[in-house]
Amino acid sequence: MFDIGFWTSRLVLNNLAFVFFIGFLTTVYIANAHLAERNVREIQVLQKDLKEMRWYYMSLQSENMYNAMRSEVAKRVREDGLRPQTEAPKRIVIK
């Protein structure tokens, strides 16, 4: 009957350029999938770092607001002999 191996090998040899092109496209497709996966992993790591930095920033901001309160400032400058003003400021009027 027909020799299928002969026809198959002849078909492949006649279309060898197309077979190489398909192999090249397959390689590019696989490389693109690996690159995309690596980028996704890198984005996840950066998002985690960003979340940690945001927590750190918020804790520093909270600590700064606490230290800037009038009572905290008064406690810290009491050592230097400074006291908060207890009486109302006086207005000087010049005619």
PDB file of N, CA and C in Angstrom:
ATOM      1  N   MET A   1       0.824  -1.186   0.000  1.00  0.00           N
ATOM      2  CA  MET A   1       0.000   0.000   0.000  1.00  0.00           C
ATOM      3  C   MET A   1       0.868   1.249   0.000  1.00  0.00           C
ATOM      4  N   PHE A   2       0.564   2.139   0.972  1.00  0.00           N
ATOM      5  CA  PHE A   2       1.319   3.398   1.042  1.00  0.00           C
ATOM      6  C   PHE A   2       2.350   3.328   2.148  1.00  0.00           C
ATOM      7  N   ASP A   3       3.466   3.923   1.888  1.00  0.00           N
ATOM      8  CA  ASP A   3       4.512   4.000   2.905  1.00  0.00           C
ATOM      9  C   ASP A   3       4.346   5.338   3.637  1.00  0.00           C
ATOM     10  N   ILE A   4       3.734   5.283   4.827  1.00  0.00           N
ATOM     11  CA  ILE A   4       3.410   6.504   5.562  1.00  0.00           C
ATOM     12  C   ILE A   4       4.676   7.204   6.039  1.00  0.00           C
ATOM     13  N   GLY A   5       5.689   6.473   6.441  1.00  0.00           N
ATOM     14  CA  GLY A   5       6.937   7.068   6.905  1.00  0.00           C
ATOM     15  C   GLY A   5       7.595   7.889   5.816  1.00  0.00           C
ATOM     16  N   PHE A   6       7.549   7.418   4.579  1.00  0.00           N
ATOM     17  CA  PHE A   6       8.131   8.147   3.462  1.00  0.00           C
ATOM     18  C   PHE A   6       7.387   9.449   3.220  1.00  0.00           C
ATOM     19  N   TRP A   7       6.049   9.381   3.220  1.00  0.00           N
ATOM     20  CA  TRP A   7       5.248  10.586   2.981  1.00  0.00           C
ATOM     21  C   TRP A   7       5.422  11.600   4.106  1.00  0.00           C
ATOM     22  N   THR A   8       5.499  11.113   5.312  1.00  0.00           N
ATOM     23  CA  THR A   8       5.659  12.011   6.450  1.00  0.00           C
ATOM     24  C   THR A   8       7.016  12.703   6.412  1.00  0.00           C
ATOM     25  N   SER A   9       8.055  11.944   6.159  1.00  0.00           N
ATOM     26  CA  SER A   9       9.386  12.556   6.110  1.00  0.00           C
ATOM     27  C   SER A   9       9.489  13.520   4.937  1.00  0.00           C
ATOM     28  N   ARG A  10       8.872  13.176   3.825  1.00  0.00           N
ATOM     29  CA  ARG A  10       8.910  14.072   2.663  1.00  0.00           C
ATOM     30  C   ARG A  10       8.131  15.349   2.946  1.00  0.00           C
ATOM     31  N   LEU A  11       6.984  15.217   3.629  1.00  0.00           N
ATOM     32  CA  LEU A  11       6.172  16.385   3.980  1.00  0.00           C
ATOM     33  C   LEU A  11       6.948  17.305   4.927  1.00  0.00           C
ATOM     34  N   VAL A  12       7.632  16.722   5.904  1.00  0.00           N
ATOM     35  CA  VAL A  12       8.411  17.528   6.858  1.00  0.00           C
ATOM     36  C   VAL A  12       9.575  18.205   6.148  1.00  0.00           C
ATOM     37  N   LEU A  13      10.270  17.476   5.287  1.00  0.00           N
ATOM     38  CA  LEU A  13      11.409  18.071   4.593  1.00  0.00           C
ATOM     39  C   LEU A  13      10.980  19.183   3.649  1.00  0.00           C
ATOM     40  N   ASN A  14       9.848  19.028   3.013  1.00  0.00           N
ATOM     41  CA  ASN A  14       9.368  20.079   2.107  1.00  0.00           C
ATOM     42  C   ASN A  14       8.944  21.330   2.880  1.00  0.00           C
ATOM     43  N   ASN A  15       8.509  21.135   4.105  1.00  0.00           N
ATOM     44  CA  ASN A  15       8.043  22.273   4.919  1.00  0.00           C
ATOM     45  C   ASN A  15       8.983  22.539   6.091  1.00  0.00           C
ATOM     46  N   LEU A  16      10.260  22.307   5.916  1.00  0.00           N
ATOM     47  CA  LEU A  16      11.233  22.451   6.988  1.00  0.00           C
ATOM     48  C   LEU A  16      11.299  23.890   7.528  1.00  0.00           C
ATOM     49  N   ALA A  17      11.199  24.862   6.657  1.00  0.00           N
ATOM     50  CA  ALA A  17      11.236  26.259   7.089  1.00  0.00           C
ATOM     51  C   ALA A  17      10.038  26.550   8.001  1.00  0.00           C
ATOM     52  N   PHE A  18       8.886  26.029   7.642  1.00  0.00           N
ATOM     53  CA  PHE A  18       7.687  26.232   8.463  1.00  0.00           C
ATOM     54  C   PHE A  18       7.828  25.534   9.815  1.00  0.00           C
ATOM     55  N   VAL A  19       8.407  24.351   9.837  1.00  0.00           N
ATOM     56  CA  VAL A  19       8.614  23.611  11.088  1.00  0.00           C
ATOM     57  C   VAL A  19       9.565  24.390  12.001  1.00  0.00           C
ATOM     58  N   PHE A  20      10.642  24.940  11.432  1.00  0.00           N
ATOM     59  CA  PHE A  20      11.552  25.764  12.232  1.00  0.00           C
ATOM     60  C   PHE A  20      10.849  27.021  12.752  1.00  0.00           C
ATOM     61  N   PHE A  21      10.024  27.621  11.924  1.00  0.00           N
ATOM     62  CA  PHE A  21       9.273  28.811  12.328  1.00  0.00           C
ATOM     63  C   PHE A  21       8.328  28.481  13.492  1.00  0.00           C
ATOM     64  N   ILE A  22       7.642  27.364  13.408  1.00  0.00           N
ATOM     65  CA  ILE A  22       6.752  26.940  14.502  1.00  0.00           C
ATOM     66  C   ILE A  22       7.569  26.664  15.769  1.00  0.00           C
ATOM     67  N   GLY A  23       8.725  26.046  15.636  1.00  0.00           N
ATOM     68  CA  GLY A  23       9.598  25.810  16.788  1.00  0.00           C
ATOM     69  C   GLY A  23      10.074  27.111  17.407  1.00  0.00           C
ATOM     70  N   PHE A  24      10.424  28.085  16.561  1.00  0.00           N
ATOM     71  CA  PHE A  24      10.852  29.401  17.055  1.00  0.00           C
ATOM     72  C   PHE A  24       9.706  30.082  17.801  1.00  0.00           C
ATOM     73  N   LEU A  25       8.498  30.044  17.238  1.00  0.00           N
ATOM     74  CA  LEU A  25       7.355  30.661  17.904  1.00  0.00           C
ATOM     75  C   LEU A  25       7.066  29.982  19.244  1.00  0.00           C
ATOM     76  N   THR A  26       7.217  28.670  19.296  1.00  0.00           N
ATOM     77  CA  THR A  26       7.007  27.946  20.543  1.00  0.00           C
ATOM     78  C   THR A  26       8.026  28.389  21.594  1.00  0.00           C
ATOM     79  N   THR A  27       9.280  28.547  21.191  1.00  0.00           N
ATOM     80  CA  THR A  27      10.328  28.997  22.116  1.00  0.00           C
ATOM     81  C   THR A  27      10.030  30.405  22.626  1.00  0.00           C
ATOM     82  N   VAL A  28       9.620  31.289  21.726  1.00  0.00           N
ATOM     83  CA  VAL A  28       9.287  32.656  22.125  1.00  0.00           C
ATOM     84  C   VAL A  28       8.097  32.651  23.084  1.00  0.00           C
ATOM     85  N   TYR A  29       7.100  31.826  22.821  1.00  0.00           N
ATOM     86  CA  TYR A  29       5.912  31.735  23.669  1.00  0.00           C
ATOM     87  C   TYR A  29       6.288  31.271  25.078  1.00  0.00           C
ATOM     88  N   ILE A  30       7.136  30.262  25.177  1.00  0.00           N
ATOM     89  CA  ILE A  30       7.563  29.748  26.481  1.00  0.00           C
ATOM     90  C   ILE A  30       8.395  30.801  27.221  1.00  0.00           C
ATOM     91  N   ALA A  31       9.302  31.466  26.509  1.00  0.00           N
ATOM     92  CA  ALA A  31      10.134  32.501  27.138  1.00  0.00           C
ATOM     93  C   ALA A  31       9.260  33.651  27.636  1.00  0.00           C
ATOM     94  N   ASN A  32       8.250  34.023  26.863  1.00  0.00           N
ATOM     95  CA  ASN A  32       7.348  35.097  27.263  1.00  0.00           C
ATOM     96  C   ASN A  32       6.562  34.708  28.514  1.00  0.00           C
ATOM     97  N   ALA A  33       6.131  33.465  28.605  1.00  0.00           N
ATOM     98  CA  ALA A  33       5.402  33.001  29.789  1.00  0.00           C
ATOM     99  C   ALA A  33       6.301  33.057  31.029  1.00  0.00           C
ATOM    100  N   HIS A  34       7.571  32.651  30.894  1.00  0.00           N
ATOM    101  CA  HIS A  34       8.508  32.710  32.026  1.00  0.00           C
ATOM    102  C   HIS A  34       8.769  34.159  32.438  1.00  0.00           C
ATOM    103  N   LEU A  35       8.928  35.041  31.468  1.00  0.00           N
ATOM    104  CA  LEU A  35       9.160  36.449  31.767  1.00  0.00           C
ATOM    105  C   LEU A  35       7.963  37.053  32.493  1.00  0.00           C
ATOM    106  N   ALA A  36       6.767  36.748  32.038  1.00  0.00           N
ATOM    107  CA  ALA A  36       5.562  37.270  32.684  1.00  0.00           C
ATOM    108  C   ALA A  36       5.449  36.754  34.111  1.00  0.00           C
ATOM    109  N   GLU A  37       5.740  35.492  34.328  1.00  0.00           N
ATOM    110  CA  GLU A  37       5.674  34.912  35.675  1.00  0.00           C
ATOM    111  C   GLU A  37       6.705  35.568  36.601  1.00  0.00           C
ATOM    112  N   ARG A  38       7.896  35.828  36.092  1.00  0.00           N
ATOM    113  CA  ARG A  38       8.929  36.490  36.895  1.00  0.00           C
ATOM    114  C   ARG A  38       8.488  37.912  37.250  1.00  0.00           C
ATOM    115  N   ASN A  39       7.877  38.615  36.293  1.00  0.00           N
ATOM    116  CA  ASN A  39       7.399  39.969  36.561  1.00  0.00           C
ATOM    117  C   ASN A  39       6.294  39.965  37.615  1.00  0.00           C
ATOM    118  N   VAL A  40       5.413  38.983  37.566  1.00  0.00           N
ATOM    119  CA  VAL A  40       4.345  38.887  38.558  1.00  0.00           C
ATOM    120  C   VAL A  40       4.935  38.661  39.941  1.00  0.00           C
ATOM    121  N   ARG A  41       5.924  37.779  40.050  1.00  0.00           N
ATOM    122  CA  ARG A  41       6.561  37.529  41.345  1.00  0.00           C
ATOM    123  C   ARG A  41       7.250  38.790  41.861  1.00  0.00           C
ATOM    124  N   GLU A  42       7.919  39.516  40.981  1.00  0.00           N
ATOM    125  CA  GLU A  42       8.603  40.753  41.377  1.00  0.00           C
ATOM    126  C   GLU A  42       7.595  41.805  41.842  1.00  0.00           C
ATOM    127  N   ILE A  43       6.472  41.906  41.161  1.00  0.00           N
ATOM    128  CA  ILE A  43       5.431  42.852  41.558  1.00  0.00           C
ATOM    129  C   ILE A  43       4.886  42.497  42.932  1.00  0.00           C
ATOM    130  N   GLN A  44       4.699  41.212  43.209  1.00  0.00           N
ATOM    131  CA  GLN A  44       4.204  40.792  44.516  1.00  0.00           C
ATOM    132  C   GLN A  44       5.193  41.144  45.622  1.00  0.00           C
ATOM    133  N   VAL A  45       6.475  40.960  45.362  1.00  0.00           N
ATOM    134  CA  VAL A  45       7.497  41.314  46.360  1.00  0.00           C
ATOM    135  C   VAL A  45       7.495  42.818  46.594  1.00  0.00           C
ATOM    136  N   LEU A  46       7.395  43.605  45.525  1.00  0.00           N
ATOM    137  CA  LEU A  46       7.390  45.061  45.667  1.00  0.00           C
ATOM    138  C   LEU A  46       6.143  45.537  46.398  1.00  0.00           C
ATOM    139  N   GLN A  47       5.001  44.899  46.156  1.00  0.00           N
ATOM    140  CA  GLN A  47       3.784  45.270  46.875  1.00  0.00           C
ATOM    141  C   GLN A  47       3.918  44.977  48.366  1.00  0.00           C
ATOM    142  N   LYS A  48       4.552  43.863  48.701  1.00  0.00           N
ATOM    143  CA  LYS A  48       4.778  43.523  50.108  1.00  0.00           C
ATOM    144  C   LYS A  48       5.699  44.559  50.752  1.00  0.00           C
ATOM    145  N   ASP A  49       6.782  44.927  50.052  1.00  0.00           N
ATOM    146  CA  ASP A  49       7.700  45.941  50.571  1.00  0.00           C
ATOM    147  C   ASP A  49       6.994  47.279  50.743  1.00  0.00           C
ATOM    148  N   LEU A  50       6.134  47.638  49.790  1.00  0.00           N
ATOM    149  CA  LEU A  50       5.401  48.896  49.863  1.00  0.00           C
ATOM    150  C   LEU A  50       4.465  48.902  51.070  1.00  0.00           C
ATOM    151  N   LYS A  51       3.808  47.778  51.321  1.00  0.00           N
ATOM    152  CA  LYS A  51       2.910  47.690  52.464  1.00  0.00           C
ATOM    153  C   LYS A  51       3.696  47.847  53.773  1.00  0.00           C
ATOM    154  N   GLU A  52       4.866  47.210  53.868  1.00  0.00           N
ATOM    155  CA  GLU A  52       5.696  47.348  55.068  1.00  0.00           C
ATOM    156  C   GLU A  52       6.180  48.781  55.250  1.00  0.00           C
ATOM    157  N   MET A  53       6.578  49.420  54.152  1.00  0.00           N
ATOM    158  CA  MET A  53       7.041  50.812  54.230  1.00  0.00           C
ATOM    159  C   MET A  53       5.898  51.742  54.634  1.00  0.00           C
ATOM    160  N   ARG A  54       4.693  51.462  54.152  1.00  0.00           N
ATOM    161  CA  ARG A  54       3.538  52.281  54.515  1.00  0.00           C
ATOM    162  C   ARG A  54       3.258  52.143  56.014  1.00  0.00           C
ATOM    163  N   TRP A  55       3.357  50.908  56.554  1.00  0.00           N
ATOM    164  CA  TRP A  55       3.170  50.703  57.995  1.00  0.00           C
ATOM    165  C   TRP A  55       4.243  51.453  58.782  1.00  0.00           C
ATOM    166  N   TYR A  56       5.464  51.382  58.313  1.00  0.00           N
ATOM    167  CA  TYR A  56       6.559  52.083  58.989  1.00  0.00           C
ATOM    168  C   TYR A  56       6.321  53.591  58.970  1.00  0.00           C
ATOM    169  N   TYR A  57       5.896  54.127  57.819  1.00  0.00           N
ATOM    170  CA  TYR A  57       5.617  55.558  57.696  1.00  0.00           C
ATOM    171  C   TYR A  57       4.498  55.968  58.648  1.00  0.00           C
ATOM    172  N   MET A  58       3.441  55.173  58.715  1.00  0.00           N
ATOM    173  CA  MET A  58       2.315  55.520  59.576  1.00  0.00           C
ATOM    174  C   MET A  58       2.711  55.471  61.054  1.00  0.00           C
ATOM    175  N   SER A  59       3.564  54.515  61.436  1.00  0.00           N
ATOM    176  CA  SER A  59       4.011  54.463  62.828  1.00  0.00           C
ATOM    177  C   SER A  59       4.895  55.677  63.159  1.00  0.00           C
ATOM    178  N   LEU A  60       5.769  56.064  62.216  1.00  0.00           N
ATOM    179  CA  LEU A  60       6.603  57.254  62.448  1.00  0.00           C
ATOM    180  C   LEU A  60       5.749  58.518  62.517  1.00  0.00           C
ATOM    181  N   GLN A  61       4.744  58.602  61.667  1.00  0.00           N
ATOM    182  CA  GLN A  61       3.873  59.770  61.672  1.00  0.00           C
ATOM    183  C   GLN A  61       3.087  59.846  62.986  1.00  0.00           C
ATOM    184  N   SER A  62       2.613  58.710  63.459  1.00  0.00           N
ATOM    185  CA  SER A  62       1.890  58.673  64.738  1.00  0.00           C
ATOM    186  C   SER A  62       2.806  59.088  65.886  1.00  0.00           C
ATOM    187  N   GLU A  63       4.020  58.559  65.888  1.00  0.00           N
ATOM    188  CA  GLU A  63       4.980  58.912  66.935  1.00  0.00           C
ATOM    189  C   GLU A  63       5.318  60.398  66.879  1.00  0.00           C
ATOM    190  N   ASN A  64       5.466  60.939  65.694  1.00  0.00           N
ATOM    191  CA  ASN A  64       5.769  62.355  65.527  1.00  0.00           C
ATOM    192  C   ASN A  64       4.619  63.220  66.030  1.00  0.00           C
ATOM    193  N   MET A  65       3.390  62.826  65.720  1.00  0.00           N
ATOM    194  CA  MET A  65       2.237  63.599  66.194  1.00  0.00           C
ATOM    195  C   MET A  65       2.146  63.553  67.717  1.00  0.00           C
ATOM    196  N   TYR A  66       2.442  62.393  68.304  1.00  0.00           N
ATOM    197  CA  TYR A  66       2.425  62.269  69.772  1.00  0.00           C
ATOM    198  C   TYR A  66       3.496  63.168  70.392  1.00  0.00           C
ATOM    199  N   ASN A  67       4.691  63.159  69.818  1.00  0.00           N
ATOM    200  CA  ASN A  67       5.790  63.967  70.361  1.00  0.00           C
ATOM    201  C   ASN A  67       5.569  65.458  70.149  1.00  0.00           C
ATOM    202  N   ALA A  68       4.719  65.842  69.213  1.00  0.00           N
ATOM    203  CA  ALA A  68       4.474  67.257  68.944  1.00  0.00           C
ATOM    204  C   ALA A  68       3.325  67.809  69.791  1.00  0.00           C
ATOM    205  N   MET A  69       2.680  66.974  70.589  1.00  0.00           N
ATOM    206  CA  MET A  69       1.594  67.468  71.448  1.00  0.00           C
ATOM    207  C   MET A  69       2.161  68.444  72.476  1.00  0.00           C
ATOM    208  N   ARG A  70       1.332  69.399  72.838  1.00  0.00           N
ATOM    209  CA  ARG A  70       1.786  70.455  73.746  1.00  0.00           C
ATOM    210  C   ARG A  70       2.283  69.886  75.075  1.00  0.00           C
ATOM    211  N   SER A  71       1.607  68.895  75.616  1.00  0.00           N
ATOM    212  CA  SER A  71       2.011  68.322  76.904  1.00  0.00           C
ATOM    213  C   SER A  71       3.360  67.616  76.790  1.00  0.00           C
ATOM    214  N   GLU A  72       3.597  66.920  75.690  1.00  0.00           N
ATOM    215  CA  GLU A  72       4.881  66.230  75.496  1.00  0.00           C
ATOM    216  C   GLU A  72       6.019  67.231  75.320  1.00  0.00           C
ATOM    217  N   VAL A  73       5.745  68.296  74.573  1.00  0.00           N
ATOM    218  CA  VAL A  73       6.774  69.327  74.383  1.00  0.00           C
ATOM    219  C   VAL A  73       7.092  69.981  75.733  1.00  0.00           C
ATOM    220  N   ALA A  74       6.061  70.218  76.525  1.00  0.00           N
ATOM    221  CA  ALA A  74       6.283  70.840  77.841  1.00  0.00           C
ATOM    222  C   ALA A  74       7.129  69.937  78.725  1.00  0.00           C
ATOM    223  N   LYS A  75       6.890  68.632  78.690  1.00  0.00           N
ATOM    224  CA  LYS A  75       7.696  67.699  79.486  1.00  0.00           C
ATOM    225  C   LYS A  75       9.158  67.737  79.064  1.00  0.00           C
ATOM    226  N   ARG A  76       9.387  67.824  77.794  1.00  0.00           N
ATOM    227  CA  ARG A  76      10.768  67.770  77.293  1.00  0.00           C
ATOM    228  C   ARG A  76      11.546  69.054  77.561  1.00  0.00           C
ATOM    229  N   VAL A  77      10.877  70.197  77.497  1.00  0.00           N
ATOM    230  CA  VAL A  77      11.602  71.465  77.701  1.00  0.00           C
ATOM    231  C   VAL A  77      11.644  71.878  79.162  1.00  0.00           C
ATOM    232  N   ARG A  78      10.930  71.159  80.043  1.00  0.00           N
ATOM    233  CA  ARG A  78      10.957  71.476  81.470  1.00  0.00           C
ATOM    234  C   ARG A  78      12.370  71.341  82.022  1.00  0.00           C
ATOM    235  N   GLU A  79      13.148  70.403  81.486  1.00  0.00           N
ATOM    236  CA  GLU A  79      14.542  70.209  81.931  1.00  0.00           C
ATOM    237  C   GLU A  79      15.390  71.445  81.680  1.00  0.00           C
ATOM    238  N   ASP A  80      15.073  72.168  80.605  1.00  0.00           N
ATOM    239  CA  ASP A  80      15.849  73.363  80.258  1.00  0.00           C
ATOM    240  C   ASP A  80      15.360  74.600  81.007  1.00  0.00           C
ATOM    241  N   GLY A  81      14.374  74.439  81.857  1.00  0.00           N
ATOM    242  CA  GLY A  81      13.883  75.570  82.641  1.00  0.00           C
ATOM    243  C   GLY A  81      12.780  76.342  81.940  1.00  0.00           C
ATOM    244  N   LEU A  82      12.251  75.836  80.857  1.00  0.00           N
ATOM    245  CA  LEU A  82      11.164  76.517  80.153  1.00  0.00           C
ATOM    246  C   LEU A  82       9.828  75.970  80.632  1.00  0.00           C
ATOM    247  N   ARG A  83       8.861  76.880  80.703  1.00  0.00           N
ATOM    248  CA  ARG A  83       7.518  76.478  81.113  1.00  0.00           C
ATOM    249  C   ARG A  83       6.514  77.007  80.101  1.00  0.00           C
ATOM    250  N   PRO A  84       5.387  76.322  79.960  1.00  0.00           N
ATOM    251  CA  PRO A  84       4.375  76.866  79.046  1.00  0.00           C
ATOM    252  C   PRO A  84       3.772  78.140  79.621  1.00  0.00           C
ATOM    253  N   GLN A  85       3.338  79.021  78.772  1.00  0.00           N
ATOM    254  CA  GLN A  85       2.779  80.288  79.188  1.00  0.00           C
ATOM    255  C   GLN A  85       1.390  80.046  79.767  1.00  0.00           C
ATOM    256  N   THR A  86       1.158  80.567  80.960  1.00  0.00           N
ATOM    257  CA  THR A  86      -0.127  80.333  81.628  1.00  0.00           C
ATOM    258  C   THR A  86      -1.065  81.522  81.494  1.00  0.00           C
ATOM    259  N   GLU A  87      -0.540  82.703  81.326  1.00  0.00           N
ATOM    260  CA  GLU A  87      -1.406  83.880  81.212  1.00  0.00           C
ATOM    261  C   GLU A  87      -1.548  84.269  79.742  1.00  0.00           C
ATOM    262  N   ALA A  88      -2.563  85.017  79.478  1.00  0.00           N
ATOM    263  CA  ALA A  88      -2.849  85.432  78.100  1.00  0.00           C
ATOM    264  C   ALA A  88      -1.772  86.398  77.617  1.00  0.00           C
ATOM    265  N   PRO A  89      -1.491  86.393  76.307  1.00  0.00           N
ATOM    266  CA  PRO A  89      -0.497  87.330  75.797  1.00  0.00           C
ATOM    267  C   PRO A  89      -1.002  88.763  75.924  1.00  0.00           C
ATOM    268  N   LYS A  90      -0.061  89.683  76.110  1.00  0.00           N
ATOM    269  CA  LYS A  90      -0.407  91.103  76.270  1.00  0.00           C
ATOM    270  C   LYS A  90      -0.213  91.793  74.924  1.00  0.00           C
ATOM    271  N   ARG A  91      -1.148  92.673  74.613  1.00  0.00           N
ATOM    272  CA  ARG A  91      -1.099  93.425  73.373  1.00  0.00           C
ATOM    273  C   ARG A  91      -0.458  94.789  73.636  1.00  0.00           C
ATOM    274  N   ILE A  92       0.465  95.140  72.765  1.00  0.00           N
ATOM    275  CA  ILE A  92       1.118  96.440  72.869  1.00  0.00           C
ATOM    276  C   ILE A  92       0.531  97.323  71.769  1.00  0.00           C
ATOM    277  N   VAL A  93      -0.019  98.423  72.154  1.00  0.00           N
ATOM    278  CA  VAL A  93      -0.652  99.356  71.210  1.00  0.00           C
ATOM    279  C   VAL A  93       0.191 100.626  71.155  1.00  0.00           C
ATOM    280  N   ILE A  94       0.589 101.014  69.957  1.00  0.00           N
ATOM    281  CA  ILE A  94       1.382 102.218  69.775  1.00  0.00           C
ATOM    282  C   ILE A  94       0.569 103.183  68.953  1.00  0.00           C
ATOM    283  N   LYS A  95       0.436 104.432  69.474  1.00  0.00           N
ATOM    284  CA  LYS A  95      -0.329 105.454  68.772  1.00  0.00           C
ATOM    285  C   LYS A  95       0.542 106.270  67.887  1.00  0.00           C
TER     286      LYS A  95
END
